[in-house]
N, C-alpha and C. Protein backbone atom coordinates (compact mmCIF):
# COMPACT_ATOMS: atom_id res chain seq x y z
N MET A 1 15.86 -10.98 25.94
CA MET A 1 14.73 -10.13 26.28
C MET A 1 13.78 -10.00 25.11
N LEU A 2 12.50 -9.99 25.40
CA LEU A 2 11.51 -9.79 24.35
C LEU A 2 11.69 -8.43 23.69
N LYS A 3 11.58 -8.42 22.37
CA LYS A 3 11.64 -7.17 21.61
C LYS A 3 10.23 -6.76 21.21
N CYS A 4 10.09 -5.51 20.78
CA CYS A 4 8.77 -4.96 20.49
C CYS A 4 8.61 -4.56 19.03
N SER A 5 7.62 -5.16 18.39
CA SER A 5 7.17 -4.71 17.08
C SER A 5 5.86 -3.97 17.34
N THR A 6 5.96 -2.68 17.60
CA THR A 6 4.85 -1.91 18.14
C THR A 6 3.75 -1.69 17.11
N SER A 7 2.52 -2.00 17.50
CA SER A 7 1.38 -1.92 16.58
C SER A 7 0.84 -0.49 16.50
N LEU A 8 0.89 0.10 15.33
CA LEU A 8 0.39 1.45 15.14
C LEU A 8 -1.13 1.51 15.14
N TRP A 9 -1.79 0.37 15.12
CA TRP A 9 -3.25 0.33 15.21
C TRP A 9 -3.73 0.98 16.51
N SER A 10 -2.92 0.89 17.55
CA SER A 10 -3.31 1.41 18.86
C SER A 10 -2.84 2.84 19.10
N ALA A 11 -2.17 3.44 18.12
CA ALA A 11 -1.71 4.82 18.27
C ALA A 11 -2.90 5.78 18.10
N ASP A 12 -2.70 7.00 18.57
CA ASP A 12 -3.66 8.07 18.28
C ASP A 12 -3.43 8.49 16.83
N LEU A 13 -4.28 8.02 15.95
CA LEU A 13 -4.05 8.22 14.52
C LEU A 13 -4.16 9.68 14.09
N ALA A 14 -4.80 10.51 14.92
CA ALA A 14 -4.88 11.94 14.61
C ALA A 14 -3.56 12.65 14.94
N ASN A 15 -2.70 11.97 15.69
CA ASN A 15 -1.40 12.54 16.07
C ASN A 15 -0.30 11.50 15.84
N LEU A 16 -0.32 10.91 14.65
CA LEU A 16 0.52 9.75 14.39
C LEU A 16 2.01 10.08 14.47
N GLU A 17 2.41 11.23 13.95
CA GLU A 17 3.83 11.59 14.00
C GLU A 17 4.32 11.67 15.44
N ALA A 18 3.56 12.34 16.28
CA ALA A 18 3.95 12.48 17.69
C ALA A 18 3.96 11.12 18.39
N GLU A 19 3.00 10.27 18.07
CA GLU A 19 2.93 8.94 18.68
C GLU A 19 4.13 8.09 18.28
N ILE A 20 4.53 8.17 17.02
CA ILE A 20 5.69 7.42 16.56
C ILE A 20 6.94 7.87 17.32
N LYS A 21 7.12 9.18 17.44
CA LYS A 21 8.30 9.70 18.13
C LYS A 21 8.30 9.32 19.61
N ARG A 22 7.11 9.23 20.21
CA ARG A 22 7.01 8.92 21.63
C ARG A 22 7.45 7.49 21.94
N VAL A 23 7.10 6.54 21.06
CA VAL A 23 7.38 5.13 21.37
C VAL A 23 8.57 4.57 20.60
N GLU A 24 9.06 5.30 19.61
CA GLU A 24 10.17 4.80 18.78
C GLU A 24 11.39 4.38 19.60
N PRO A 25 11.79 5.14 20.63
CA PRO A 25 12.99 4.73 21.39
C PRO A 25 12.82 3.41 22.14
N TYR A 26 11.58 2.96 22.27
CA TYR A 26 11.29 1.75 23.04
C TYR A 26 10.80 0.60 22.14
N SER A 27 10.98 0.77 20.84
CA SER A 27 10.51 -0.22 19.87
C SER A 27 11.67 -0.64 18.97
N GLU A 28 11.65 -1.92 18.55
CA GLU A 28 12.63 -2.38 17.57
C GLU A 28 12.11 -2.20 16.15
N ARG A 29 10.81 -2.26 15.99
CA ARG A 29 10.20 -2.04 14.67
C ARG A 29 8.73 -1.70 14.88
N PHE A 30 8.08 -1.30 13.79
CA PHE A 30 6.65 -0.99 13.84
C PHE A 30 5.86 -2.02 13.04
N HIS A 31 4.74 -2.43 13.62
CA HIS A 31 3.84 -3.42 13.03
C HIS A 31 2.64 -2.67 12.47
N ILE A 32 2.40 -2.85 11.18
CA ILE A 32 1.33 -2.11 10.50
C ILE A 32 0.30 -3.10 9.97
N ASP A 33 -0.87 -3.10 10.57
CA ASP A 33 -1.96 -3.98 10.14
C ASP A 33 -2.67 -3.36 8.94
N VAL A 34 -2.79 -4.16 7.89
CA VAL A 34 -3.50 -3.74 6.68
C VAL A 34 -4.72 -4.64 6.51
N ALA A 35 -5.90 -4.04 6.53
CA ALA A 35 -7.14 -4.82 6.40
C ALA A 35 -8.03 -4.20 5.33
N ASP A 36 -8.63 -5.07 4.50
CA ASP A 36 -9.38 -4.60 3.34
C ASP A 36 -10.89 -4.60 3.53
N GLY A 37 -11.37 -4.96 4.73
CA GLY A 37 -12.80 -5.01 4.96
C GLY A 37 -13.47 -6.27 4.45
N HIS A 38 -12.71 -7.15 3.82
CA HIS A 38 -13.24 -8.41 3.28
C HIS A 38 -12.65 -9.61 4.02
N TYR A 39 -11.34 -9.69 4.06
CA TYR A 39 -10.70 -10.80 4.77
C TYR A 39 -11.05 -10.75 6.25
N VAL A 40 -11.06 -9.54 6.78
CA VAL A 40 -11.56 -9.27 8.14
C VAL A 40 -12.48 -8.07 8.06
N PRO A 41 -13.46 -7.93 8.96
CA PRO A 41 -14.43 -6.83 8.89
C PRO A 41 -13.88 -5.52 9.44
N THR A 42 -12.72 -5.13 8.97
CA THR A 42 -12.06 -3.93 9.45
C THR A 42 -11.33 -3.28 8.28
N LEU A 43 -11.23 -1.97 8.30
CA LEU A 43 -10.43 -1.24 7.32
C LEU A 43 -9.26 -0.58 8.04
N LEU A 44 -8.04 -0.92 7.63
CA LEU A 44 -6.85 -0.42 8.30
C LEU A 44 -5.74 -0.13 7.31
N PHE A 45 -4.98 0.87 7.55
CA PHE A 45 -3.75 1.29 6.88
C PHE A 45 -3.69 0.98 5.37
N PHE A 46 -3.15 1.92 4.65
CA PHE A 46 -3.07 1.85 3.19
C PHE A 46 -1.71 2.43 2.77
N PRO A 47 -1.28 2.22 1.52
CA PRO A 47 0.08 2.60 1.14
C PRO A 47 0.45 4.05 1.39
N ASP A 48 -0.44 4.99 1.09
CA ASP A 48 -0.09 6.40 1.29
C ASP A 48 0.16 6.72 2.77
N LEU A 49 -0.57 6.05 3.65
CA LEU A 49 -0.35 6.27 5.07
C LEU A 49 0.99 5.68 5.51
N VAL A 50 1.32 4.52 4.98
CA VAL A 50 2.62 3.92 5.28
C VAL A 50 3.75 4.81 4.74
N LYS A 51 3.53 5.41 3.58
CA LYS A 51 4.53 6.35 3.02
C LYS A 51 4.74 7.52 3.97
N ALA A 52 3.66 7.99 4.57
CA ALA A 52 3.77 9.09 5.53
C ALA A 52 4.50 8.64 6.80
N VAL A 53 4.21 7.43 7.25
CA VAL A 53 4.89 6.88 8.42
C VAL A 53 6.39 6.76 8.16
N ARG A 54 6.73 6.32 6.95
CA ARG A 54 8.14 6.11 6.60
C ARG A 54 8.97 7.37 6.78
N LYS A 55 8.36 8.53 6.58
CA LYS A 55 9.09 9.80 6.69
C LYS A 55 9.48 10.11 8.13
N HIS A 56 8.83 9.46 9.10
CA HIS A 56 9.01 9.83 10.50
C HIS A 56 9.76 8.80 11.33
N THR A 57 10.22 7.72 10.69
CA THR A 57 10.97 6.72 11.45
C THR A 57 11.94 5.97 10.55
N ARG A 58 13.03 5.55 11.15
CA ARG A 58 13.99 4.70 10.44
C ARG A 58 13.82 3.24 10.84
N LEU A 59 12.92 2.96 11.75
CA LEU A 59 12.70 1.58 12.17
C LEU A 59 12.09 0.76 11.04
N LEU A 60 12.34 -0.54 11.10
CA LEU A 60 11.75 -1.45 10.13
C LEU A 60 10.23 -1.39 10.20
N LEU A 61 9.58 -1.34 9.04
CA LEU A 61 8.12 -1.33 8.95
C LEU A 61 7.64 -2.70 8.47
N GLU A 62 6.89 -3.35 9.32
CA GLU A 62 6.41 -4.71 9.11
C GLU A 62 4.92 -4.64 8.74
N VAL A 63 4.59 -5.01 7.52
CA VAL A 63 3.21 -4.91 7.03
C VAL A 63 2.51 -6.26 7.14
N HIS A 64 1.45 -6.28 7.91
CA HIS A 64 0.66 -7.49 8.17
C HIS A 64 -0.57 -7.46 7.28
N LEU A 65 -0.55 -8.26 6.22
CA LEU A 65 -1.61 -8.21 5.20
C LEU A 65 -2.79 -9.09 5.56
N MET A 66 -3.82 -8.50 6.14
CA MET A 66 -5.08 -9.19 6.41
C MET A 66 -6.03 -8.86 5.27
N THR A 67 -5.69 -9.36 4.09
CA THR A 67 -6.41 -9.01 2.87
C THR A 67 -6.71 -10.26 2.05
N THR A 68 -7.76 -10.19 1.25
CA THR A 68 -8.13 -11.32 0.40
C THR A 68 -7.15 -11.50 -0.75
N HIS A 69 -6.61 -10.39 -1.28
CA HIS A 69 -5.69 -10.44 -2.42
C HIS A 69 -4.35 -9.80 -2.05
N PRO A 70 -3.58 -10.41 -1.15
CA PRO A 70 -2.34 -9.78 -0.68
C PRO A 70 -1.29 -9.55 -1.76
N LEU A 71 -1.27 -10.41 -2.79
CA LEU A 71 -0.26 -10.26 -3.84
C LEU A 71 -0.36 -8.90 -4.52
N GLU A 72 -1.58 -8.37 -4.62
CA GLU A 72 -1.80 -7.09 -5.28
C GLU A 72 -1.25 -5.91 -4.46
N TRP A 73 -0.97 -6.15 -3.18
CA TRP A 73 -0.56 -5.05 -2.31
C TRP A 73 0.93 -5.03 -2.02
N ILE A 74 1.65 -6.04 -2.44
CA ILE A 74 3.08 -6.08 -2.12
C ILE A 74 3.84 -4.94 -2.78
N ASP A 75 3.68 -4.76 -4.08
CA ASP A 75 4.39 -3.67 -4.77
C ASP A 75 4.02 -2.29 -4.23
N PRO A 76 2.72 -1.97 -4.06
CA PRO A 76 2.38 -0.65 -3.53
C PRO A 76 2.98 -0.38 -2.15
N PHE A 77 3.00 -1.39 -1.30
CA PHE A 77 3.58 -1.16 0.03
C PHE A 77 5.11 -1.13 -0.01
N CYS A 78 5.72 -1.86 -0.93
CA CYS A 78 7.16 -1.73 -1.13
C CYS A 78 7.52 -0.30 -1.53
N GLU A 79 6.77 0.24 -2.47
CA GLU A 79 7.00 1.61 -2.92
C GLU A 79 6.78 2.62 -1.80
N ALA A 80 5.91 2.28 -0.87
CA ALA A 80 5.63 3.17 0.25
C ALA A 80 6.69 3.11 1.34
N GLY A 81 7.55 2.07 1.28
CA GLY A 81 8.63 1.99 2.25
C GLY A 81 8.58 0.81 3.19
N ALA A 82 7.74 -0.19 2.92
CA ALA A 82 7.67 -1.37 3.78
C ALA A 82 8.96 -2.18 3.68
N ASP A 83 9.32 -2.81 4.79
CA ASP A 83 10.53 -3.63 4.84
C ASP A 83 10.24 -5.12 4.94
N ALA A 84 9.06 -5.46 5.43
CA ALA A 84 8.73 -6.87 5.69
C ALA A 84 7.23 -7.07 5.51
N PHE A 85 6.86 -8.32 5.15
CA PHE A 85 5.46 -8.66 4.95
C PHE A 85 5.12 -9.92 5.72
N ILE A 86 3.92 -9.94 6.27
CA ILE A 86 3.36 -11.12 6.93
C ILE A 86 2.05 -11.45 6.22
N VAL A 87 1.90 -12.71 5.80
CA VAL A 87 0.72 -13.11 5.03
C VAL A 87 0.06 -14.33 5.68
N TYR A 88 -1.15 -14.61 5.24
CA TYR A 88 -1.92 -15.77 5.73
C TYR A 88 -2.00 -16.84 4.65
N PRO A 89 -2.10 -18.11 5.04
CA PRO A 89 -2.13 -19.20 4.06
C PRO A 89 -3.49 -19.41 3.38
N ASP A 90 -4.56 -18.76 3.85
CA ASP A 90 -5.88 -19.03 3.30
C ASP A 90 -6.43 -17.88 2.47
N CYS A 91 -5.54 -17.06 1.93
CA CYS A 91 -5.98 -15.98 1.04
C CYS A 91 -6.16 -16.56 -0.37
N GLU A 92 -6.40 -15.70 -1.35
CA GLU A 92 -6.66 -16.18 -2.71
C GLU A 92 -5.40 -16.35 -3.54
N HIS A 93 -4.24 -16.27 -2.91
CA HIS A 93 -2.97 -16.57 -3.58
C HIS A 93 -2.28 -17.67 -2.78
N THR A 94 -1.44 -18.42 -3.44
CA THR A 94 -0.72 -19.46 -2.72
C THR A 94 0.45 -18.84 -1.96
N LEU A 95 0.87 -19.53 -0.90
CA LEU A 95 2.03 -19.06 -0.17
C LEU A 95 3.28 -19.06 -1.03
N ASP A 96 3.37 -19.97 -2.00
CA ASP A 96 4.52 -19.98 -2.91
C ASP A 96 4.58 -18.71 -3.74
N GLU A 97 3.41 -18.26 -4.24
CA GLU A 97 3.36 -17.01 -5.01
C GLU A 97 3.78 -15.82 -4.15
N LEU A 98 3.26 -15.79 -2.95
CA LEU A 98 3.56 -14.68 -2.06
C LEU A 98 5.02 -14.68 -1.63
N ARG A 99 5.53 -15.85 -1.34
CA ARG A 99 6.95 -15.95 -0.96
C ARG A 99 7.84 -15.44 -2.07
N ARG A 100 7.58 -15.86 -3.30
CA ARG A 100 8.41 -15.41 -4.43
C ARG A 100 8.34 -13.90 -4.59
N ALA A 101 7.14 -13.35 -4.49
CA ALA A 101 6.97 -11.91 -4.68
C ALA A 101 7.71 -11.12 -3.59
N VAL A 102 7.59 -11.56 -2.35
CA VAL A 102 8.23 -10.84 -1.24
C VAL A 102 9.75 -10.96 -1.33
N LEU A 103 10.26 -12.16 -1.56
CA LEU A 103 11.70 -12.36 -1.61
C LEU A 103 12.31 -11.70 -2.85
N THR A 104 11.59 -11.71 -3.97
CA THR A 104 12.08 -11.02 -5.18
C THR A 104 12.21 -9.53 -4.95
N ALA A 105 11.30 -8.99 -4.14
CA ALA A 105 11.35 -7.56 -3.80
C ALA A 105 12.43 -7.25 -2.78
N GLY A 106 13.09 -8.29 -2.27
CA GLY A 106 14.16 -8.09 -1.30
C GLY A 106 13.66 -7.78 0.10
N LYS A 107 12.45 -8.21 0.40
CA LYS A 107 11.85 -7.94 1.71
C LYS A 107 11.81 -9.21 2.56
N SER A 108 11.60 -9.03 3.85
CA SER A 108 11.49 -10.16 4.75
C SER A 108 10.12 -10.81 4.62
N PHE A 109 10.10 -12.13 4.78
CA PHE A 109 8.88 -12.91 4.54
C PHE A 109 8.41 -13.56 5.83
N GLY A 110 7.16 -13.28 6.19
CA GLY A 110 6.58 -13.88 7.38
C GLY A 110 5.22 -14.48 7.10
N ILE A 111 4.83 -15.44 7.92
CA ILE A 111 3.53 -16.09 7.79
C ILE A 111 2.81 -16.03 9.14
N SER A 112 1.53 -15.68 9.08
CA SER A 112 0.65 -15.75 10.25
C SER A 112 -0.25 -16.96 10.13
N LEU A 113 -0.58 -17.53 11.26
CA LEU A 113 -1.56 -18.61 11.29
C LEU A 113 -2.70 -18.23 12.22
N LYS A 114 -3.93 -18.46 11.77
CA LYS A 114 -5.09 -18.27 12.64
C LYS A 114 -5.09 -19.36 13.71
N LEU A 115 -5.92 -19.18 14.71
CA LEU A 115 -5.96 -20.12 15.83
C LEU A 115 -6.29 -21.54 15.39
N ASP A 116 -7.10 -21.67 14.33
CA ASP A 116 -7.51 -23.00 13.89
C ASP A 116 -6.63 -23.57 12.79
N GLN A 117 -5.53 -22.89 12.45
CA GLN A 117 -4.63 -23.37 11.40
C GLN A 117 -3.41 -24.02 12.06
N PRO A 118 -3.17 -25.30 11.77
CA PRO A 118 -2.09 -26.02 12.45
C PRO A 118 -0.70 -25.54 12.04
N LEU A 119 0.23 -25.71 12.95
CA LEU A 119 1.61 -25.30 12.71
C LEU A 119 2.22 -26.05 11.53
N GLU A 120 1.68 -27.21 11.23
CA GLU A 120 2.19 -28.02 10.11
C GLU A 120 2.07 -27.31 8.76
N VAL A 121 1.22 -26.32 8.66
CA VAL A 121 1.09 -25.53 7.43
C VAL A 121 2.43 -24.91 7.04
N LEU A 122 3.26 -24.63 8.02
CA LEU A 122 4.54 -23.96 7.76
C LEU A 122 5.63 -24.90 7.26
N GLU A 123 5.39 -26.18 7.29
CA GLU A 123 6.44 -27.16 7.01
C GLU A 123 7.19 -26.90 5.70
N PRO A 124 6.52 -26.58 4.57
CA PRO A 124 7.28 -26.36 3.33
C PRO A 124 8.03 -25.03 3.29
N TYR A 125 7.84 -24.16 4.29
CA TYR A 125 8.31 -22.78 4.19
C TYR A 125 9.35 -22.39 5.25
N TRP A 126 9.63 -23.27 6.18
CA TRP A 126 10.51 -22.90 7.28
C TRP A 126 11.86 -22.35 6.81
N ASP A 127 12.45 -22.95 5.79
CA ASP A 127 13.80 -22.55 5.37
C ASP A 127 13.85 -21.11 4.86
N ASP A 128 12.77 -20.64 4.24
CA ASP A 128 12.74 -19.27 3.71
C ASP A 128 12.07 -18.28 4.65
N LEU A 129 11.57 -18.77 5.75
CA LEU A 129 10.76 -17.93 6.63
C LEU A 129 11.65 -17.06 7.53
N ASP A 130 11.37 -15.77 7.50
CA ASP A 130 12.06 -14.86 8.41
C ASP A 130 11.30 -14.71 9.73
N LEU A 131 9.97 -14.89 9.66
CA LEU A 131 9.15 -14.66 10.84
C LEU A 131 7.92 -15.55 10.84
N TYR A 132 7.67 -16.17 11.98
CA TYR A 132 6.38 -16.81 12.23
C TYR A 132 5.62 -15.93 13.20
N CYS A 133 4.50 -15.40 12.77
CA CYS A 133 3.67 -14.52 13.59
C CYS A 133 2.52 -15.33 14.17
N ASN A 134 2.58 -15.59 15.47
CA ASN A 134 1.55 -16.38 16.13
C ASN A 134 0.39 -15.48 16.55
N ILE A 135 -0.77 -15.70 15.96
CA ILE A 135 -1.94 -14.88 16.27
C ILE A 135 -2.65 -15.48 17.48
N GLY A 136 -2.85 -14.63 18.49
CA GLY A 136 -3.40 -15.13 19.75
C GLY A 136 -4.87 -14.87 19.97
N THR A 137 -5.52 -14.22 19.00
CA THR A 137 -6.95 -13.91 19.09
C THR A 137 -7.58 -14.16 17.73
N GLU A 138 -8.89 -13.99 17.64
CA GLU A 138 -9.52 -14.01 16.33
C GLU A 138 -8.96 -12.86 15.50
N VAL A 139 -8.73 -13.09 14.22
CA VAL A 139 -8.06 -12.11 13.36
C VAL A 139 -8.92 -10.85 13.20
N GLY A 140 -8.27 -9.70 13.35
CA GLY A 140 -8.94 -8.43 13.12
C GLY A 140 -9.75 -7.93 14.29
N ILE A 141 -9.68 -8.61 15.43
CA ILE A 141 -10.43 -8.21 16.62
C ILE A 141 -9.48 -7.51 17.59
N LYS A 142 -9.77 -6.26 17.88
CA LYS A 142 -8.92 -5.48 18.76
C LYS A 142 -9.38 -5.62 20.21
N GLY A 143 -8.43 -5.80 21.11
CA GLY A 143 -8.74 -5.82 22.53
C GLY A 143 -9.19 -7.16 23.08
N ALA A 144 -9.14 -8.21 22.28
CA ALA A 144 -9.58 -9.54 22.74
C ALA A 144 -8.51 -10.18 23.62
N GLY A 145 -8.93 -11.13 24.45
CA GLY A 145 -8.00 -11.85 25.31
C GLY A 145 -7.25 -12.92 24.54
N MET A 146 -6.07 -13.28 25.02
CA MET A 146 -5.23 -14.28 24.36
C MET A 146 -5.78 -15.68 24.57
N ASP A 147 -5.81 -16.44 23.49
CA ASP A 147 -6.27 -17.82 23.56
C ASP A 147 -5.28 -18.66 24.38
N PRO A 148 -5.79 -19.61 25.19
CA PRO A 148 -4.90 -20.43 26.03
C PRO A 148 -3.91 -21.29 25.26
N SER A 149 -4.18 -21.53 23.97
CA SER A 149 -3.29 -22.39 23.18
C SER A 149 -1.99 -21.71 22.77
N VAL A 150 -1.90 -20.40 22.94
CA VAL A 150 -0.78 -19.63 22.40
C VAL A 150 0.59 -20.07 22.94
N PRO A 151 0.79 -20.17 24.25
CA PRO A 151 2.13 -20.56 24.73
C PRO A 151 2.63 -21.87 24.14
N ASP A 152 1.75 -22.86 24.02
CA ASP A 152 2.17 -24.15 23.47
C ASP A 152 2.56 -24.03 22.01
N ARG A 153 1.80 -23.25 21.23
CA ARG A 153 2.11 -23.08 19.81
C ARG A 153 3.45 -22.37 19.64
N ILE A 154 3.69 -21.36 20.46
CA ILE A 154 4.97 -20.65 20.39
C ILE A 154 6.11 -21.59 20.78
N SER A 155 5.92 -22.38 21.82
CA SER A 155 6.95 -23.32 22.27
C SER A 155 7.28 -24.35 21.19
N ARG A 156 6.26 -24.84 20.51
CA ARG A 156 6.48 -25.82 19.44
C ARG A 156 7.25 -25.19 18.29
N ALA A 157 6.91 -23.96 17.92
CA ALA A 157 7.62 -23.27 16.85
C ALA A 157 9.07 -23.03 17.24
N ARG A 158 9.30 -22.61 18.47
CA ARG A 158 10.66 -22.37 18.95
C ARG A 158 11.49 -23.64 18.90
N THR A 159 10.89 -24.77 19.26
CA THR A 159 11.60 -26.04 19.24
C THR A 159 12.02 -26.40 17.82
N ILE A 160 11.13 -26.24 16.86
CA ILE A 160 11.44 -26.53 15.45
C ILE A 160 12.60 -25.66 14.97
N ILE A 161 12.52 -24.36 15.25
CA ILE A 161 13.54 -23.43 14.79
C ILE A 161 14.90 -23.76 15.40
N THR A 162 14.91 -24.04 16.69
CA THR A 162 16.16 -24.33 17.38
C THR A 162 16.77 -25.66 16.92
N GLN A 163 15.95 -26.69 16.83
CA GLN A 163 16.46 -28.00 16.44
C GLN A 163 17.00 -28.02 15.02
N ARG A 164 16.39 -27.22 14.14
CA ARG A 164 16.82 -27.21 12.74
C ARG A 164 17.83 -26.11 12.44
N GLY A 165 18.13 -25.27 13.39
CA GLY A 165 19.09 -24.19 13.18
C GLY A 165 18.59 -23.16 12.18
N LEU A 166 17.32 -22.83 12.24
CA LEU A 166 16.70 -21.92 11.28
C LEU A 166 16.87 -20.46 11.69
N LYS A 167 16.68 -19.56 10.72
CA LYS A 167 16.82 -18.12 10.97
C LYS A 167 15.53 -17.48 11.47
N ALA A 168 14.41 -18.16 11.32
CA ALA A 168 13.11 -17.57 11.62
C ALA A 168 13.00 -17.11 13.07
N GLU A 169 12.32 -15.98 13.25
CA GLU A 169 12.00 -15.49 14.58
C GLU A 169 10.52 -15.73 14.84
N VAL A 170 10.14 -15.70 16.11
CA VAL A 170 8.76 -15.94 16.51
C VAL A 170 8.20 -14.67 17.13
N GLU A 171 7.04 -14.28 16.64
CA GLU A 171 6.38 -13.06 17.11
C GLU A 171 5.00 -13.42 17.63
N ALA A 172 4.60 -12.81 18.74
CA ALA A 172 3.27 -13.02 19.32
C ALA A 172 2.44 -11.77 19.12
N ASP A 173 1.29 -11.93 18.47
CA ASP A 173 0.43 -10.81 18.12
C ASP A 173 -0.99 -11.11 18.58
N GLY A 174 -1.55 -10.24 19.41
CA GLY A 174 -2.92 -10.42 19.87
C GLY A 174 -2.98 -10.83 21.33
N GLY A 175 -3.75 -10.10 22.11
CA GLY A 175 -3.88 -10.42 23.53
C GLY A 175 -2.64 -10.13 24.33
N ILE A 176 -1.86 -9.14 23.91
CA ILE A 176 -0.61 -8.80 24.59
C ILE A 176 -0.93 -7.93 25.81
N ARG A 177 -0.88 -8.55 26.98
CA ARG A 177 -1.24 -7.88 28.23
C ARG A 177 -0.18 -8.19 29.30
N ARG A 178 -0.23 -7.46 30.39
CA ARG A 178 0.73 -7.68 31.47
C ARG A 178 0.72 -9.12 31.97
N HIS A 179 -0.46 -9.75 31.99
CA HIS A 179 -0.53 -11.11 32.52
C HIS A 179 -0.22 -12.17 31.48
N THR A 180 -0.22 -11.82 30.19
CA THR A 180 0.09 -12.81 29.15
C THR A 180 1.54 -12.76 28.69
N VAL A 181 2.18 -11.60 28.78
CA VAL A 181 3.54 -11.47 28.28
C VAL A 181 4.52 -12.42 28.97
N PRO A 182 4.45 -12.62 30.29
CA PRO A 182 5.37 -13.61 30.90
C PRO A 182 5.21 -15.01 30.33
N LEU A 183 3.98 -15.40 29.99
CA LEU A 183 3.75 -16.72 29.39
C LEU A 183 4.37 -16.79 28.00
N ILE A 184 4.25 -15.71 27.25
CA ILE A 184 4.81 -15.63 25.91
C ILE A 184 6.34 -15.69 25.96
N ALA A 185 6.91 -14.96 26.91
CA ALA A 185 8.37 -14.96 27.07
C ALA A 185 8.88 -16.35 27.44
N ALA A 186 8.21 -16.99 28.36
CA ALA A 186 8.63 -18.32 28.81
C ALA A 186 8.52 -19.35 27.69
N ALA A 187 7.60 -19.14 26.76
CA ALA A 187 7.41 -20.07 25.65
C ALA A 187 8.49 -19.93 24.58
N GLY A 188 9.22 -18.80 24.57
CA GLY A 188 10.33 -18.66 23.64
C GLY A 188 10.14 -17.69 22.50
N ALA A 189 9.18 -16.76 22.62
CA ALA A 189 8.98 -15.77 21.57
C ALA A 189 10.15 -14.80 21.53
N ASP A 190 10.42 -14.24 20.33
CA ASP A 190 11.43 -13.21 20.17
C ASP A 190 10.82 -11.81 20.27
N TYR A 191 9.61 -11.68 19.73
CA TYR A 191 8.94 -10.39 19.66
C TYR A 191 7.52 -10.50 20.22
N ILE A 192 7.04 -9.39 20.78
CA ILE A 192 5.62 -9.19 21.01
C ILE A 192 5.18 -8.02 20.15
N VAL A 193 3.87 -7.95 19.90
CA VAL A 193 3.28 -6.83 19.16
C VAL A 193 2.41 -6.04 20.14
N PRO A 194 3.02 -5.13 20.91
CA PRO A 194 2.25 -4.38 21.88
C PRO A 194 1.47 -3.25 21.23
N GLY A 195 0.23 -3.10 21.64
CA GLY A 195 -0.59 -1.98 21.18
C GLY A 195 -0.86 -1.08 22.36
N SER A 196 -1.95 -1.37 23.09
CA SER A 196 -2.28 -0.58 24.28
C SER A 196 -1.21 -0.70 25.35
N LEU A 197 -0.50 -1.82 25.38
CA LEU A 197 0.57 -2.00 26.36
C LEU A 197 1.68 -0.98 26.16
N MET A 198 1.87 -0.53 24.92
CA MET A 198 2.88 0.48 24.62
C MET A 198 2.28 1.89 24.66
N PHE A 199 1.18 2.09 23.95
CA PHE A 199 0.62 3.43 23.82
C PHE A 199 -0.21 3.86 25.03
N GLY A 200 -0.74 2.89 25.77
CA GLY A 200 -1.58 3.21 26.92
C GLY A 200 -0.82 3.35 28.22
N GLU A 201 0.48 3.06 28.19
CA GLU A 201 1.31 3.17 29.38
C GLU A 201 2.50 4.08 29.09
N ASP A 202 3.28 4.36 30.10
CA ASP A 202 4.56 5.03 29.90
C ASP A 202 5.47 4.02 29.20
N PRO A 203 5.86 4.26 27.93
CA PRO A 203 6.61 3.23 27.19
C PRO A 203 7.96 2.90 27.81
N GLY A 204 8.60 3.89 28.44
CA GLY A 204 9.88 3.62 29.08
C GLY A 204 9.74 2.69 30.26
N LYS A 205 8.75 2.92 31.09
CA LYS A 205 8.52 2.05 32.24
C LYS A 205 8.07 0.66 31.79
N MET A 206 7.29 0.61 30.71
CA MET A 206 6.86 -0.69 30.19
C MET A 206 8.07 -1.50 29.74
N ARG A 207 9.03 -0.88 29.08
CA ARG A 207 10.22 -1.60 28.62
C ARG A 207 11.10 -2.03 29.80
N GLU A 208 11.14 -1.22 30.85
CA GLU A 208 11.86 -1.61 32.05
C GLU A 208 11.25 -2.88 32.64
N TRP A 209 9.92 -2.91 32.67
CA TRP A 209 9.22 -4.10 33.17
C TRP A 209 9.51 -5.32 32.29
N LEU A 210 9.51 -5.09 30.97
CA LEU A 210 9.77 -6.18 30.03
C LEU A 210 11.16 -6.76 30.26
N ALA A 211 12.11 -5.88 30.53
CA ALA A 211 13.49 -6.32 30.75
C ALA A 211 13.64 -7.09 32.06
N SER A 212 12.72 -6.86 33.00
CA SER A 212 12.82 -7.49 34.30
C SER A 212 12.25 -8.90 34.33
N LEU A 213 11.57 -9.31 33.26
CA LEU A 213 10.92 -10.63 33.27
C LEU A 213 11.96 -11.74 33.30
């Protein structure tokens, strides 16, 4: 069954504690988008806010760094209570630098790819990769529809992981809707990143539907 890394971007941020408690029983972990206004034209989540979130949940906190200088943010978010990091290959640090920093900190290491970045970018990193986060929309755009290429990309990643006996999991982020989730599930994803699908619906009924797929 698909698991949920619930995106706090879609929560009512003025009532974040209550929102966390409402969806926590129906989530395996929380997905926290961090944006610096440069890498993407959005400003989202910062270490002090993640520190506040940490006080209200024991679930794993997955920090998605949509930033130009992600290496500078790993230590501050570790101190705030982050458990895992997802980074992009086209930032101003190399993936090797980021991998070393994340693994040295004892955290899980994930990589996101934009729609125009080929899966082959991951080839040197599969053995150390805990998570491949498949982005289904333009980065930093909320509410966009899922690109048609997503199921095939997820299926290809799942095939690589299975054939090589790797530990990496596959997560689908962006365009998570009632009509796209069955396609994502059939392609072999382990996780979805629900936003409005979790916070805009009854989360218990949504999980019942997810289990029925």
